Amino acid sequence: MKKLVLILVCAFSTPVGAEQNACPVSLPIAVEAKLLPVLVARDEASRKNDWWDKGYEKAFTALLEAKDEASKEARVALMDYYVGEAYGEELVCAVALDGGQTTSLLELYSSCDIKPAHSTVPRNRTLPLRGYALEKLKKGHVKESCTYE
């Protein structure tokens, strides 16, 4: 009887740490709130075929310059979207400049399909931006490689 109980307990229990490895279903609310203004402005710029649209530039710059944790995660989430060539480079540097603690977010978003609940802007999870940011962090010379004159 004790063996049967032990087998049942083992069979139906969740392994320790299994919840930590589970992928989130959607973005945290605070992260999505930081991301959505950029996506709305990006969508408008894309429809106008104007990647230098002032509204998009303002929303993008505001996210890149924000220092709070939700903005840091929103920058990583933004890497699922085509943001334009120049903005893509800026985004990679901003994420890399957030520091080594961003590595876990980059890995999480690379392995999990975490999407916003309130956006219809098309995503492209095959963009290489996260890989570029991880590479910069591993090399360790982020400030030097992300300083523009």
Protein backbone atom coordinates (compact mmCIF):
# COMPACT_ATOMS: atom_id res chain seq x y z
CA MET A 1 0.00 0.00 0.00
CA LYS A 2 2.85 2.41 0.86
CA LYS A 3 4.44 1.69 -2.53
CA LEU A 4 1.18 2.45 -4.31
CA VAL A 5 0.81 5.78 -2.49
CA LEU A 6 4.42 6.66 -3.24
CA ILE A 7 3.99 5.82 -6.93
CA LEU A 8 0.81 7.90 -7.14
CA VAL A 9 2.43 10.85 -5.38
CA CYS A 10 5.43 10.72 -7.72
CA ALA A 11 3.28 10.33 -10.81
CA PHE A 12 0.97 13.26 -10.08
CA SER A 13 3.28 15.73 -8.43
CA THR A 14 4.95 18.61 -10.24
CA PRO A 15 8.73 18.45 -10.24
CA VAL A 16 10.51 21.13 -8.23
CA GLY A 17 11.30 24.08 -10.48
CA ALA A 18 8.91 23.02 -13.25
CA GLU A 19 6.83 26.17 -12.82
CA GLN A 20 9.95 28.32 -13.19
CA ASN A 21 10.68 26.74 -16.58
CA ALA A 22 7.15 27.25 -17.88
CA CYS A 23 6.71 29.90 -20.52
CA PRO A 24 4.45 32.84 -19.71
CA VAL A 25 1.26 32.92 -21.77
CA SER A 26 1.42 36.67 -22.42
CA LEU A 27 3.41 39.76 -21.54
CA PRO A 28 3.14 41.15 -18.02
CA ILE A 29 0.62 44.02 -17.96
CA ALA A 30 3.24 46.67 -17.10
CA VAL A 31 5.50 45.47 -19.93
CA GLU A 32 2.68 45.50 -22.46
CA ALA A 33 1.75 49.03 -21.36
CA LYS A 34 5.30 50.16 -22.21
CA LEU A 35 5.39 48.24 -25.50
CA LEU A 36 1.99 49.13 -27.00
CA PRO A 37 2.65 52.86 -27.71
CA VAL A 38 5.73 51.88 -29.73
CA LEU A 39 3.81 49.19 -31.63
CA VAL A 40 0.94 51.55 -32.45
CA ALA A 41 3.38 54.22 -33.69
CA ARG A 42 5.40 51.57 -35.57
CA ASP A 43 2.27 50.26 -37.27
CA GLU A 44 1.31 53.76 -38.37
CA ALA A 45 4.83 54.45 -39.68
CA SER A 46 4.77 51.14 -41.55
CA ARG A 47 1.43 51.92 -43.18
CA LYS A 48 2.77 55.30 -44.32
CA ASN A 49 6.05 53.65 -45.35
CA ASP A 50 7.81 56.32 -43.30
CA TRP A 51 10.28 54.74 -40.86
CA TRP A 52 11.40 58.24 -39.80
CA ASP A 53 7.89 59.24 -38.73
CA LYS A 54 8.14 61.68 -35.81
CA GLY A 55 5.49 59.92 -33.73
CA TYR A 56 7.28 56.60 -34.13
CA GLU A 57 10.64 58.15 -33.37
CA LYS A 58 9.26 59.78 -30.21
CA ALA A 59 7.62 56.56 -28.92
CA PHE A 60 10.69 54.46 -29.76
CA THR A 61 13.10 56.90 -28.12
CA ALA A 62 10.93 57.15 -24.99
CA LEU A 63 11.08 53.36 -24.56
CA LEU A 64 14.83 53.23 -25.18
CA GLU A 65 15.53 55.98 -22.65
CA ALA A 66 13.26 54.63 -19.88
CA LYS A 67 15.13 53.06 -16.96
CA ASP A 68 12.39 51.04 -15.19
CA GLU A 69 12.28 47.24 -15.23
CA ALA A 70 9.09 47.04 -17.31
CA SER A 71 10.73 49.12 -20.03
CA LYS A 72 13.80 46.89 -20.02
CA GLU A 73 11.61 43.86 -20.60
CA ALA A 74 9.52 45.73 -23.19
CA ARG A 75 12.73 46.43 -25.15
CA VAL A 76 13.46 42.69 -25.21
CA ALA A 77 9.87 41.97 -26.30
CA LEU A 78 10.16 44.61 -29.05
CA MET A 79 12.87 42.48 -30.63
CA ASP A 80 10.06 40.32 -32.09
CA TYR A 81 9.12 43.17 -34.43
CA TYR A 82 10.73 44.74 -37.44
CA VAL A 83 11.56 48.25 -36.24
CA GLY A 84 13.66 49.47 -39.17
CA GLU A 85 17.38 48.98 -39.76
CA ALA A 86 18.74 51.92 -37.78
CA TYR A 87 16.26 51.48 -34.96
CA GLY A 88 17.14 47.78 -34.83
CA GLU A 89 20.78 48.65 -34.14
CA GLU A 90 19.74 51.13 -31.46
CA LEU A 91 17.47 48.53 -29.87
CA VAL A 92 20.23 45.91 -29.74
CA CYS A 93 22.56 48.39 -28.05
CA ALA A 94 19.90 49.60 -25.60
CA VAL A 95 19.16 46.01 -24.53
CA ALA A 96 22.86 45.15 -24.27
CA LEU A 97 23.53 48.34 -22.29
CA ASP A 98 20.85 47.25 -19.80
CA GLY A 99 23.52 44.85 -18.60
CA GLY A 100 24.07 41.21 -17.81
CA GLN A 101 20.81 40.86 -15.88
CA THR A 102 19.08 41.17 -19.26
CA THR A 103 20.59 37.86 -20.39
CA SER A 104 17.89 35.84 -18.63
CA LEU A 105 15.17 37.92 -20.34
CA LEU A 106 16.82 37.49 -23.73
CA GLU A 107 16.97 33.73 -23.20
CA LEU A 108 13.38 33.56 -21.95
CA TYR A 109 11.99 35.51 -24.91
CA SER A 110 14.14 33.49 -27.32
CA SER A 111 12.77 30.19 -26.07
CA CYS A 112 9.17 31.25 -25.32
CA ASP A 113 6.53 32.74 -27.59
CA ILE A 114 5.42 35.58 -25.31
CA LYS A 115 3.06 37.90 -27.12
CA PRO A 116 1.06 40.94 -26.14
CA ALA A 117 -2.61 40.35 -25.48
CA HIS A 118 -3.72 43.66 -27.05
CA SER A 119 -1.80 44.10 -30.30
CA THR A 120 -2.42 43.01 -33.85
CA VAL A 121 0.94 44.22 -35.15
CA PRO A 122 2.63 41.28 -36.89
CA ARG A 123 5.54 39.72 -35.03
CA ASN A 124 8.55 37.95 -36.50
CA ARG A 125 10.20 35.68 -33.96
CA THR A 126 12.98 34.82 -36.41
CA LEU A 127 14.66 38.22 -36.25
CA PRO A 128 18.28 37.91 -35.04
CA LEU A 129 18.23 40.93 -32.69
CA ARG A 130 18.28 38.93 -29.44
CA GLY A 131 21.24 36.93 -30.67
CA TYR A 132 23.12 40.13 -31.48
CA ALA A 133 22.43 41.52 -27.99
CA LEU A 134 23.54 38.26 -26.32
CA GLU A 135 26.70 38.28 -28.43
CA LYS A 136 27.50 41.85 -27.34
CA LEU A 137 26.95 40.91 -23.70
CA LYS A 138 29.18 37.85 -23.97
CA LYS A 139 31.99 39.84 -25.58
CA GLY A 140 31.78 42.32 -22.71
CA HIS A 141 32.65 45.52 -24.58
CA VAL A 142 29.11 46.82 -24.93
CA LYS A 143 29.82 50.47 -24.15
CA GLU A 144 32.63 50.66 -26.68
CA SER A 145 30.67 48.95 -29.46
CA CYS A 146 27.49 50.95 -28.79
CA THR A 147 28.95 54.46 -28.59
CA TYR A 148 28.17 56.55 -31.62
CA GLU A 149 29.55 59.92 -32.51
